C-alpha atoms as a PDB file:
ATOM      1  CA  MET A   1     -10.839  -1.633   3.326  1.00  0.00           C
ATOM      2  CA  ARG A   2      -8.596  -1.683   6.578  1.00  0.00           C
ATOM      3  CA  ILE A   3      -5.498  -2.259   4.924  1.00  0.00           C
ATOM      4  CA  LEU A   4      -5.246   1.392   4.239  1.00  0.00           C
ATOM      5  CA  GLN A   5      -5.416   2.275   7.922  1.00  0.00           C
ATOM      6  CA  PRO A   6      -2.683   3.435  10.012  1.00  0.00           C
ATOM      7  CA  LEU A   7      -1.889   0.335  12.418  1.00  0.00           C
ATOM      8  CA  GLY A   8       1.499   0.908  13.960  1.00  0.00           C
ATOM      9  CA  ASP A   9       2.478   2.365  16.986  1.00  0.00           C
ATOM     10  CA  PRO A  10       2.698   6.143  16.531  1.00  0.00           C
ATOM     11  CA  ASP A  11       5.864   6.472  18.468  1.00  0.00           C
ATOM     12  CA  SER A  12       7.380   4.063  16.656  1.00  0.00           C
ATOM     13  CA  VAL A  13      11.026   4.581  15.049  1.00  0.00           C
ATOM     14  CA  LEU A  14       9.562   4.456  11.537  1.00  0.00           C
ATOM     15  CA  ALA A  15       6.572   6.327  12.485  1.00  0.00           C
ATOM     16  CA  ARG A  16       8.010   9.420  13.734  1.00  0.00           C
ATOM     17  CA  ARG A  17       9.949   9.682  10.252  1.00  0.00           C
ATOM     18  CA  ASN A  18       8.810  12.216   7.414  1.00  0.00           C
ATOM     19  CA  ALA A  19       6.271  10.958   5.164  1.00  0.00           C
ATOM     20  CA  PHE A  20       8.040  12.091   2.220  1.00  0.00           C
ATOM     21  CA  ALA A  21      11.143  10.307   3.021  1.00  0.00           C
ATOM     22  CA  LYS A  22       9.169   6.966   3.459  1.00  0.00           C
ATOM     23  CA  VAL A  23       7.716   7.462  -0.156  1.00  0.00           C
ATOM     24  CA  VAL A  24      10.971   8.029  -1.490  1.00  0.00           C
ATOM     25  CA  ALA A  25      12.669   5.179   0.205  1.00  0.00           C
ATOM     26  CA  VAL A  26       9.989   2.912  -0.985  1.00  0.00           C
ATOM     27  CA  VAL A  27      10.498   4.584  -4.496  1.00  0.00           C
ATOM     28  CA  LEU A  28      14.338   3.413  -4.363  1.00  0.00           C
ATOM     29  CA  LEU A  29      13.822   0.080  -2.853  1.00  0.00           C
ATOM     30  CA  THR A  30      11.332  -1.007  -5.162  1.00  0.00           C
ATOM     31  CA  SER A  31      12.617   0.314  -8.220  1.00  0.00           C
ATOM     32  CA  LEU A  32      15.575  -2.375  -8.031  1.00  0.00           C
ATOM     33  CA  LEU A  33      12.858  -5.222  -7.560  1.00  0.00           C
ATOM     34  CA  VAL A  34      10.670  -4.257 -10.600  1.00  0.00           C
ATOM     35  CA  ALA A  35      13.799  -4.142 -12.805  1.00  0.00           C
ATOM     36  CA  SER A  36      14.971  -7.633 -11.702  1.00  0.00           C
ATOM     37  CA  ILE A  37      13.513 -10.915 -12.360  1.00  0.00           C
ATOM     38  CA  ASP A  38      15.594 -13.464 -10.450  1.00  0.00           C
ATOM     39  CA  PRO A  39      14.462 -14.849  -7.279  1.00  0.00           C
ATOM     40  CA  VAL A  40      17.880 -13.804  -5.088  1.00  0.00           C
ATOM     41  CA  THR A  41      17.462 -10.048  -5.671  1.00  0.00           C
ATOM     42  CA  PRO A  42      13.684 -10.044  -3.834  1.00  0.00           C
ATOM     43  CA  ALA A  43      14.863 -12.509  -1.504  1.00  0.00           C
ATOM     44  CA  VAL A  44      17.973 -10.482   0.072  1.00  0.00           C
ATOM     45  CA  ALA A  45      15.363  -7.301  -0.136  1.00  0.00           C
ATOM     46  CA  LEU A  46      12.489  -9.451   1.809  1.00  0.00           C
ATOM     47  CA  ALA A  47      14.802 -10.603   4.539  1.00  0.00           C
ATOM     48  CA  ALA A  48      15.795  -6.995   4.960  1.00  0.00           C
ATOM     49  CA  GLU A  49      12.496  -5.548   5.089  1.00  0.00           C
ATOM     50  CA  LEU A  50      11.028  -8.191   7.414  1.00  0.00           C
ATOM     51  CA  ALA A  51      13.946  -7.372   9.748  1.00  0.00           C
ATOM     52  CA  VAL A  52      12.754  -3.458   9.991  1.00  0.00           C
ATOM     53  CA  VAL A  53       9.359  -4.612  10.614  1.00  0.00           C
ATOM     54  CA  PRO A  54       9.660  -3.782  14.529  1.00  0.00           C
ATOM     55  CA  LEU A  55      10.766  -0.586  13.661  1.00  0.00           C
ATOM     56  CA  ALA A  56       7.265   0.705  12.504  1.00  0.00           C
ATOM     57  CA  GLY A  57       5.775  -0.820  15.957  1.00  0.00           C
ATOM     58  CA  ILE A  58       3.796  -3.595  14.337  1.00  0.00           C
ATOM     59  CA  GLY A  59       3.792  -7.241  15.535  1.00  0.00           C
ATOM     60  CA  TYR A  60       4.571  -9.915  12.510  1.00  0.00           C
ATOM     61  CA  ARG A  61       0.959 -11.531  13.565  1.00  0.00           C
ATOM     62  CA  ASP A  62      -0.865  -8.175  12.725  1.00  0.00           C
ATOM     63  CA  LEU A  63       1.189  -7.464   9.619  1.00  0.00           C
ATOM     64  CA  ALA A  64       0.259 -11.104   8.179  1.00  0.00           C
ATOM     65  CA  ARG A  65      -3.207 -10.305   9.129  1.00  0.00           C
ATOM     66  CA  ARG A  66      -3.322  -6.923   7.292  1.00  0.00           C
ATOM     67  CA  ALA A  67      -1.446  -8.805   4.100  1.00  0.00           C
ATOM     68  CA  VAL A  68      -4.112 -11.280   3.598  1.00  0.00           C
ATOM     69  CA  PRO A  69      -4.592 -10.114   0.119  1.00  0.00           C
ATOM     70  CA  VAL A  70      -1.159 -10.011  -0.968  1.00  0.00           C
ATOM     71  CA  LEU A  71      -0.585 -13.632   0.332  1.00  0.00           C
ATOM     72  CA  ILE A  72      -3.426 -14.583  -1.861  1.00  0.00           C
ATOM     73  CA  GLY A  73      -2.362 -12.647  -4.811  1.00  0.00           C
ATOM     74  CA  ALA A  74       1.016 -14.271  -4.527  1.00  0.00           C
ATOM     75  CA  ALA A  75      -0.386 -17.874  -4.059  1.00  0.00           C
ATOM     76  CA  GLY A  76      -2.252 -17.021  -7.222  1.00  0.00           C
ATOM     77  CA  VAL A  77       1.183 -15.734  -9.012  1.00  0.00           C
ATOM     78  CA  PHE A  78       2.614 -18.896  -8.162  1.00  0.00           C
ATOM     79  CA  VAL A  79       0.541 -21.324  -8.892  1.00  0.00           C
ATOM     80  CA  PHE A  80      -0.286 -19.598 -12.628  1.00  0.00           C
ATOM     81  CA  THR A  81       3.436 -18.837 -13.286  1.00  0.00           C
ATOM     82  CA  LEU A  82       4.067 -22.807 -12.411  1.00  0.00           C
ATOM     83  CA  ILE A  83       1.544 -23.892 -14.571  1.00  0.00           C
ATOM     84  CA  PHE A  84       1.868 -21.878 -17.574  1.00  0.00           C
ATOM     85  CA  THR A  85       5.296 -20.433 -17.883  1.00  0.00           C
ATOM     86  CA  THR A  86       7.484 -21.200 -20.732  1.00  0.00           C
ATOM     87  CA  ALA A  87      10.676 -20.745 -19.240  1.00  0.00           C
ATOM     88  CA  ASP A  88      13.546 -23.745 -18.473  1.00  0.00           C
ATOM     89  CA  ASN A  89      13.087 -23.585 -14.554  1.00  0.00           C
ATOM     90  CA  ARG A  90       9.554 -22.917 -13.877  1.00  0.00           C
ATOM     91  CA  LEU A  91       9.609 -23.336 -10.222  1.00  0.00           C
ATOM     92  CA  LEU A  92      12.692 -20.848 -10.141  1.00  0.00           C
ATOM     93  CA  ALA A  93      10.717 -18.387 -11.978  1.00  0.00           C
ATOM     94  CA  ALA A  94       7.513 -18.816  -9.999  1.00  0.00           C
ATOM     95  CA  LEU A  95       9.557 -18.338  -7.051  1.00  0.00           C
ATOM     96  CA  GLY A  96      11.125 -15.535  -8.074  1.00  0.00           C
ATOM     97  CA  LEU A  97       7.673 -13.713  -9.177  1.00  0.00           C
ATOM     98  CA  THR A  98       6.277 -14.557  -5.654  1.00  0.00           C
ATOM     99  CA  LEU A  99       9.089 -13.235  -4.075  1.00  0.00           C
ATOM    100  CA  ARG A 100       9.238 -10.086  -5.820  1.00  0.00           C
ATOM    101  CA  LEU A 101       5.441  -9.533  -5.353  1.00  0.00           C
ATOM    102  CA  PHE A 102       5.992  -9.811  -1.262  1.00  0.00           C
ATOM    103  CA  ALA A 103       9.274  -7.451  -1.579  1.00  0.00           C
ATOM    104  CA  LEU A 104       7.198  -5.092  -3.485  1.00  0.00           C
ATOM    105  CA  ALA A 105       4.073  -5.081  -1.098  1.00  0.00           C
ATOM    106  CA  LEU A 106       6.027  -4.897   2.484  1.00  0.00           C
ATOM    107  CA  PRO A 107       7.151  -1.593   1.964  1.00  0.00           C
ATOM    108  CA  GLY A 108       4.349   0.001   0.989  1.00  0.00           C
ATOM    109  CA  LEU A 109       2.244  -1.960   3.745  1.00  0.00           C
ATOM    110  CA  LEU A 110       4.964  -0.915   6.409  1.00  0.00           C
ATOM    111  CA  VAL A 111       4.606   2.813   5.262  1.00  0.00           C
ATOM    112  CA  VAL A 112       0.781   3.055   5.400  1.00  0.00           C
ATOM    113  CA  ALA A 113       0.645   1.142   8.708  1.00  0.00           C
ATOM    114  CA  SER A 114       3.011   3.893  10.017  1.00  0.00           C
ATOM    115  CA  THR A 115       2.040   7.086   8.518  1.00  0.00           C
ATOM    116  CA  ASP A 116      -0.909   9.425   9.439  1.00  0.00           C
ATOM    117  CA  PRO A 117      -2.563  10.448   6.133  1.00  0.00           C
ATOM    118  CA  THR A 118      -2.663  13.960   7.259  1.00  0.00           C
ATOM    119  CA  ASP A 119       1.156  13.779   7.778  1.00  0.00           C
ATOM    120  CA  LEU A 120       1.506  12.301   4.295  1.00  0.00           C
ATOM    121  CA  ALA A 121      -0.341  15.175   2.591  1.00  0.00           C
ATOM    122  CA  ASP A 122       1.632  17.877   4.656  1.00  0.00           C
ATOM    123  CA  ALA A 123       4.654  16.202   3.202  1.00  0.00           C
ATOM    124  CA  LEU A 124       3.890  16.118  -0.260  1.00  0.00           C
ATOM    125  CA  ILE A 125       2.747  19.688  -0.202  1.00  0.00           C
ATOM    126  CA  LYS A 126       6.011  20.924   1.336  1.00  0.00           C
ATOM    127  CA  HIS A 127       8.847  18.757   0.131  1.00  0.00           C
ATOM    128  CA  ALA A 128       7.281  17.205  -2.903  1.00  0.00           C
ATOM    129  CA  ARG A 129       5.525  20.686  -4.071  1.00  0.00           C
ATOM    130  CA  VAL A 130       2.329  18.696  -5.050  1.00  0.00           C
ATOM    131  CA  PRO A 131      -0.485  21.051  -5.510  1.00  0.00           C
ATOM    132  CA  PRO A 132      -2.505  21.441  -1.989  1.00  0.00           C
ATOM    133  CA  ARG A 133      -5.802  21.248  -4.039  1.00  0.00           C
ATOM    134  CA  PHE A 134      -4.630  17.610  -5.475  1.00  0.00           C
ATOM    135  CA  ALA A 135      -3.225  16.454  -2.137  1.00  0.00           C
ATOM    136  CA  ILE A 136      -5.907  17.433   0.302  1.00  0.00           C
ATOM    137  CA  GLY A 137      -8.362  16.127  -2.444  1.00  0.00           C
ATOM    138  CA  ALA A 138      -6.589  12.812  -2.027  1.00  0.00           C
ATOM    139  CA  LEU A 139      -6.569  12.885   1.734  1.00  0.00           C
ATOM    140  CA  ALA A 140     -10.410  13.226   1.983  1.00  0.00           C
ATOM    141  CA  ALA A 141     -10.449  10.649  -0.378  1.00  0.00           C
ATOM    142  CA  PHE A 142      -8.286   8.345   1.518  1.00  0.00           C
ATOM    143  CA  ARG A 143     -10.173   9.326   4.791  1.00  0.00           C
ATOM    144  CA  LEU A 144     -13.494   7.877   3.169  1.00  0.00           C
ATOM    145  CA  VAL A 145     -12.111   4.385   2.790  1.00  0.00           C
ATOM    146  CA  PRO A 146     -12.940   3.025   6.255  1.00  0.00           C
ATOM    147  CA  LEU A 147     -16.363   4.474   5.688  1.00  0.00           C
ATOM    148  CA  LEU A 148     -16.680   2.378   2.616  1.00  0.00           C
ATOM    149  CA  GLY A 149     -15.994  -0.730   4.540  1.00  0.00           C
ATOM    150  CA  ALA A 150     -18.204  -0.077   7.126  1.00  0.00           C
ATOM    151  CA  GLU A 151     -20.966   0.971   4.496  1.00  0.00           C
ATOM    152  CA  TRP A 152     -20.393  -2.639   2.445  1.00  0.00           C
ATOM    153  CA  GLU A 153     -20.854  -4.378   5.770  1.00  0.00           C
ATOM    154  CA  ALA A 154     -23.883  -2.232   6.284  1.00  0.00           C
ATOM    155  CA  LEU A 155     -25.304  -2.591   2.844  1.00  0.00           C
ATOM    156  CA  SER A 156     -24.620  -6.822   3.482  1.00  0.00           C
ATOM    157  CA  LEU A 157     -26.310  -7.191   6.590  1.00  0.00           C
ATOM    158  CA  ALA A 158     -29.335  -5.101   5.501  1.00  0.00           C
ATOM    159  CA  ARG A 159     -30.055  -7.784   2.638  1.00  0.00           C
ATOM    160  CA  ARG A 160     -29.496 -10.608   5.250  1.00  0.00           C
ATOM    161  CA  ALA A 161     -32.090  -8.752   7.288  1.00  0.00           C
ATOM    162  CA  ARG A 162     -34.214  -8.851   4.130  1.00  0.00           C
ATOM    163  CA  GLY A 163     -34.009 -12.325   3.540  1.00  0.00           C
ATOM    164  CA  ILE A 164     -31.614 -12.043   0.760  1.00  0.00           C
ATOM    165  CA  ASP A 165     -28.830 -14.623   1.229  1.00  0.00           C
ATOM    166  CA  ALA A 166     -26.942 -16.876  -1.225  1.00  0.00           C
ATOM    167  CA  GLY A 167     -26.619 -19.876   0.883  1.00  0.00           C
ATOM    168  CA  ARG A 168     -24.412 -21.960  -0.989  1.00  0.00           C
ATOM    169  CA  ASN A 169     -25.283 -21.169  -4.319  1.00  0.00           C
ATOM    170  CA  PRO A 170     -22.066 -19.199  -6.016  1.00  0.00           C
ATOM    171  CA  ILE A 171     -24.319 -17.937  -8.789  1.00  0.00           C
ATOM    172  CA  ALA A 172     -26.539 -16.241  -6.135  1.00  0.00           C
ATOM    173  CA  LYS A 173     -23.374 -15.029  -4.327  1.00  0.00           C
ATOM    174  CA  LEU A 174     -22.023 -13.547  -7.444  1.00  0.00           C
ATOM    175  CA  ARG A 175     -25.041 -11.688  -7.859  1.00  0.00           C
ATOM    176  CA  ILE A 176     -25.745 -10.500  -4.433  1.00  0.00           C
ATOM    177  CA  PHE A 177     -21.722  -9.308  -4.634  1.00  0.00           C
ATOM    178  CA  ALA A 178     -22.576  -7.063  -8.172  1.00  0.00           C
ATOM    179  CA  SER A 179     -25.580  -5.677  -6.288  1.00  0.00           C
ATOM    180  CA  VAL A 180     -23.628  -4.786  -3.218  1.00  0.00           C
ATOM    181  CA  THR A 181     -20.975  -3.163  -5.056  1.00  0.00           C
ATOM    182  CA  PHE A 182     -23.131  -1.228  -7.455  1.00  0.00           C
ATOM    183  CA  ALA A 183     -25.051   0.179  -4.431  1.00  0.00           C
ATOM    184  CA  LEU A 184     -21.465   1.170  -2.787  1.00  0.00           C
ATOM    185  CA  LEU A 185     -20.645   2.955  -6.120  1.00  0.00           C
ATOM    186  CA  VAL A 186     -23.716   5.084  -6.089  1.00  0.00           C
ATOM    187  CA  GLY A 187     -23.022   5.980  -2.467  1.00  0.00           C
ATOM    188  CA  ALA A 188     -19.239   6.879  -3.130  1.00  0.00           C
ATOM    189  CA  ILE A 189     -20.177   8.966  -6.020  1.00  0.00           C
ATOM    190  CA  ARG A 190     -23.161  10.717  -3.559  1.00  0.00           C
ATOM    191  CA  TRP A 191     -20.413  10.915  -0.757  1.00  0.00           C
ATOM    192  CA  GLY A 192     -17.706  12.420  -3.471  1.00  0.00           C
ATOM    193  CA  THR A 193     -20.420  15.152  -4.839  1.00  0.00           C
ATOM    194  CA  ARG A 194     -21.324  16.232  -0.906  1.00  0.00           C
ATOM    195  CA  LEU A 195     -17.649  16.405   0.131  1.00  0.00           C
ATOM    196  CA  ALA A 196     -16.521  18.501  -3.118  1.00  0.00           C
ATOM    197  CA  THR A 197     -19.112  20.951  -2.436  1.00  0.00           C
ATOM    198  CA  ALA A 198     -18.372  21.265   1.370  1.00  0.00           C
ATOM    199  CA  MET A 199     -14.864  21.674   0.730  1.00  0.00           C
ATOM    200  CA  ASP A 200     -15.533  24.566  -1.914  1.00  0.00           C
ATOM    201  CA  ALA A 201     -17.733  25.811   0.472  1.00  0.00           C
ATOM    202  CA  ARG A 202     -15.095  26.280   3.230  1.00  0.00           C
ATOM    203  CA  GLY A 203     -12.186  27.278   0.677  1.00  0.00           C
ATOM    204  CA  PHE A 204     -10.377  24.570  -0.104  1.00  0.00           C
ATOM    205  CA  ASP A 205     -10.659  25.736  -4.031  1.00  0.00           C
ATOM    206  CA  ALA A 206      -8.991  29.209  -2.778  1.00  0.00           C
ATOM    207  CA  ARG A 207      -6.028  30.580  -5.152  1.00  0.00           C
ATOM    208  CA  VAL A 208      -4.213  31.779  -2.337  1.00  0.00           C
ATOM    209  CA  PRO A 209      -1.201  30.377  -0.350  1.00  0.00           C
ATOM    210  CA  ARG A 210      -2.220  27.885   2.277  1.00  0.00           C
ATOM    211  CA  THR A 211      -0.420  27.201   5.919  1.00  0.00           C
ATOM    212  CA  MET A 212       0.117  24.137   7.878  1.00  0.00           C
ATOM    213  CA  ALA A 213      -0.924  23.392  11.303  1.00  0.00           C
ATOM    214  CA  ARG A 214       1.862  21.004  11.769  1.00  0.00           C
ATOM    215  CA  PRO A 215       4.549  22.038   9.196  1.00  0.00           C
ATOM    216  CA  PRO A 216       6.588  18.814   8.407  1.00  0.00           C
ATOM    217  CA  HIS A 217      10.311  18.451   9.401  1.00  0.00           C
ATOM    218  CA  PHE A 218      12.742  16.672   7.049  1.00  0.00           C
ATOM    219  CA  GLY A 219      15.913  16.077   9.291  1.00  0.00           C
ATOM    220  CA  ALA A 220      19.297  13.709   9.451  1.00  0.00           C
ATOM    221  CA  ALA A 221      17.062  10.735  10.544  1.00  0.00           C
ATOM    222  CA  ASP A 222      15.039  10.990   7.633  1.00  0.00           C
ATOM    223  CA  ALA A 223      17.737  11.298   5.117  1.00  0.00           C
ATOM    224  CA  LEU A 224      19.183   8.106   6.932  1.00  0.00           C
ATOM    225  CA  LEU A 225      15.854   6.337   5.903  1.00  0.00           C
ATOM    226  CA  ILE A 226      16.466   7.186   2.505  1.00  0.00           C
ATOM    227  CA  VAL A 227      20.318   6.199   2.546  1.00  0.00           C
ATOM    228  CA  ALA A 228      19.269   2.795   4.325  1.00  0.00           C
ATOM    229  CA  ALA A 229      16.802   2.058   1.564  1.00  0.00           C
ATOM    230  CA  ALA A 230      19.218   2.380  -1.328  1.00  0.00           C
ATOM    231  CA  ALA A 231      21.896   0.537   0.579  1.00  0.00           C
ATOM    232  CA  ILE A 232      19.318  -2.513   1.215  1.00  0.00           C
ATOM    233  CA  ALA A 233      18.401  -2.060  -2.804  1.00  0.00           C
ATOM    234  CA  ALA A 234      22.365  -1.906  -3.622  1.00  0.00           C
ATOM    235  CA  THR A 235      22.914  -4.873  -1.278  1.00  0.00           C
ATOM    236  CA  ALA A 236      20.445  -6.919  -2.631  1.00  0.00           C
ATOM    237  CA  LEU A 237      21.671  -6.114  -6.087  1.00  0.00           C
ATOM    238  CA  THR A 238      25.572  -6.947  -5.417  1.00  0.00           C
ATOM    239  CA  VAL A 239      24.264 -10.463  -3.853  1.00  0.00           C
ATOM    240  CA  SER A 240      22.821 -11.313  -6.964  1.00  0.00           C
ATOM    241  CA  LEU A 241      25.370 -10.372  -9.350  1.00  0.00           C
ATOM    242  CA  VAL A 242      27.894 -12.110  -6.934  1.00  0.00           C
ATOM    243  CA  THR A 243      25.950 -15.331  -7.219  1.00  0.00           C
ATOM    244  CA  GLY A 244      25.330 -14.677 -10.699  1.00  0.00           C
ATOM    245  CA  THR A 245      21.970 -15.066 -10.568  1.00  0.00           C
ATOM    246  CA  PHE A 246      21.053 -11.497 -11.538  1.00  0.00           C
ATOM    247  CA  ARG A 247      18.292 -11.493 -14.345  1.00  0.00           C
ATOM    248  CA  PRO A 248      17.260  -8.097 -16.018  1.00  0.00           C
ATOM    249  CA  LEU A 249      13.677  -7.384 -16.783  1.00  0.00           C
ATOM    250  CA  LEU A 250      14.847  -6.212 -20.320  1.00  0.00           C
END
């Protein structure tokens, strides 16, 4: 659950950029990576993404800890592709898919780690014309994610305090996991119902124009961020075409 919490320095270069600009930059960069399956394109994009990590005010060690789920998923993709693919060069195909997964995930991790959820909701309302009801509801749900992580830990500790422990039995671990998941789901539904009622009572569903306490500003630096993302995507594509390794998805 902590993977969705801001991590970077709030005064960093990337944290000061407009949230909508960061979303557009991610879309531009990842669109190319989705369309190509060769290993060179994501490798070039990944190298550029790793180079800008310090601009988000995040250390590489902290980023690696947050990216553990991505690392596990990439390892699974590499092994699965290496074993079951029918391509002529299985190693190259597996490497390409793994690098593409990293290159797709890293921009999203950087944006989440350097963006306050409230700033993102305000930017989407002002610049993307997202309905306020949807944006504020998504913001409220986003704010509940850390609480779900804390509740998961509390439920697990409560079961252990009552003597419910799986030990080394994998079947018992699976049964306890299912039990905790179901309890968490029930709690999340209750929290969501209470939150929706509370928001309606405070007028969040009113059909009147809403104002913003901190109106987001879109400046030249934000436009430069979008241009830089497009330049990285174009550079990755150019290198792939020049080396003759470009392989479109379709």
